[in-house]
Amino acid sequence: MVNIIKEEITLEESLKKKIEFICNFTNNKPTIINGSIRKIDKTNLTYIEPHRIIIKNITFLAFNYSNEIFIENLSNKIKLSELEDYLKTI
C-alpha cells in the first residue's frame, strides 16, 4: 500500500511581508494558504505544493525563497516586483 505523508510548510516571513505590503498599497486583502510537502513513503519521490495567495478571486502561487509569483498555474509567471502593476490592471 502507498502511504503519502503530508507536511505543511509556512510561507517565508519576508515573502509574506512583501505580499501584504503590495496588497495594502493597492487596497487589496490577500488570503494566504500555506503549501505542503508530500512524500511517498519508502521512496525518494517528493512533491512541493506551492503556497496559494488569493487576491481579487485570482489564485497566485508562490514558493519560498523565490522572486517570482505564478498566476493561476505554473506556466504564467511574473516577478514579485511586477505584482503591484498587475493588480492595478485587473
Protein backbone atom coordinates (compact mmCIF):
# COMPACT_ATOMS: atom_id res chain seq x y z
CA MET A 1 0.00 0.00 0.00
CA VAL A 2 1.20 3.51 -0.83
CA ASN A 3 1.45 5.94 2.09
CA ILE A 4 1.58 9.65 1.32
CA ILE A 5 2.97 11.81 4.10
CA LYS A 6 1.83 15.44 4.01
CA GLU A 7 3.76 18.12 5.90
CA GLU A 8 2.58 21.73 5.89
CA ILE A 9 5.20 24.40 5.22
CA THR A 10 4.73 28.01 6.23
CA LEU A 11 5.19 30.97 3.95
CA GLU A 12 8.57 32.62 4.40
CA GLU A 13 8.14 35.71 6.61
CA SER A 14 9.88 38.17 4.26
CA LEU A 15 7.81 36.95 1.29
CA LYS A 16 4.63 37.27 3.33
CA LYS A 17 5.52 40.85 4.31
CA LYS A 18 6.23 41.78 0.68
CA ILE A 19 2.88 40.40 -0.48
CA GLU A 20 0.99 42.10 2.35
CA PHE A 21 2.76 45.41 1.64
CA ILE A 22 1.86 45.26 -2.06
CA CYS A 23 -1.75 44.38 -1.22
CA ASN A 24 -2.03 47.21 1.31
CA PHE A 25 -0.63 49.63 -1.25
CA THR A 26 -3.21 48.52 -3.86
CA ASN A 27 -6.11 48.33 -1.34
CA ASN A 28 -6.49 44.54 -1.57
CA LYS A 29 -6.69 41.86 1.10
CA PRO A 30 -4.79 38.64 0.43
CA THR A 31 -5.89 35.22 1.63
CA ILE A 32 -2.80 33.08 2.19
CA ILE A 33 -2.98 29.28 2.23
CA ASN A 34 0.24 27.53 3.19
CA GLY A 35 1.73 24.97 0.85
CA SER A 36 2.87 21.49 1.74
CA ILE A 37 5.43 18.82 1.06
CA ARG A 38 4.04 15.44 0.06
CA LYS A 39 6.33 12.45 0.35
CA ILE A 40 5.58 8.94 -0.82
CA ASP A 41 6.68 6.61 1.96
CA LYS A 42 9.61 4.27 1.25
CA THR A 43 10.55 6.13 -1.96
CA ASN A 44 12.55 9.22 -2.82
CA LEU A 45 9.58 10.91 -4.52
CA THR A 46 8.57 14.30 -3.15
CA TYR A 47 6.11 16.92 -4.40
CA ILE A 48 6.20 20.51 -3.17
CA GLU A 49 2.77 22.12 -3.30
CA PRO A 50 3.14 25.91 -3.67
CA HIS A 51 1.61 28.46 -1.31
CA ARG A 52 -1.66 29.88 -2.60
CA ILE A 53 -2.38 33.59 -2.33
CA ILE A 54 -5.88 34.62 -3.34
CA ILE A 55 -6.33 38.27 -4.32
CA LYS A 56 -9.47 39.55 -6.10
CA ASN A 57 -10.59 35.93 -6.70
CA ILE A 58 -7.36 35.19 -8.59
CA THR A 59 -5.10 32.46 -7.24
CA PHE A 60 -1.41 33.24 -7.22
CA LEU A 61 1.15 30.53 -6.49
CA ALA A 62 4.42 31.20 -4.67
CA PHE A 63 7.39 29.21 -3.46
CA ASN A 64 9.62 30.15 -0.53
CA TYR A 65 12.89 31.90 -1.45
CA SER A 66 11.65 32.83 -4.93
CA ASN A 67 11.25 36.26 -6.51
CA GLU A 68 8.61 35.03 -8.93
CA ILE A 69 4.89 34.56 -8.45
CA PHE A 70 2.68 32.44 -10.67
CA ILE A 71 -0.78 33.45 -11.89
CA GLU A 72 -3.38 30.64 -11.71
CA ASN A 73 -0.89 27.93 -12.80
CA LEU A 74 2.84 27.32 -13.15
CA SER A 75 3.00 28.42 -16.79
CA ASN A 76 2.15 32.11 -16.19
CA LYS A 77 4.75 33.82 -14.04
CA ILE A 78 5.70 37.37 -13.19
CA LYS A 79 8.33 38.86 -10.94
CA LEU A 80 7.14 39.75 -7.46
CA SER A 81 8.09 43.37 -8.17
CA GLU A 82 5.55 43.39 -11.05
CA LEU A 83 2.66 42.20 -8.85
CA GLU A 84 1.61 45.75 -7.94
CA ASP A 85 1.23 46.76 -11.59
CA TYR A 86 -0.64 43.55 -12.36
CA LEU A 87 -3.11 44.13 -9.51
CA LYS A 88 -3.76 47.67 -10.70
CA THR A 89 -4.69 46.44 -14.20
CA ILE A 90 -7.30 43.90 -13.09
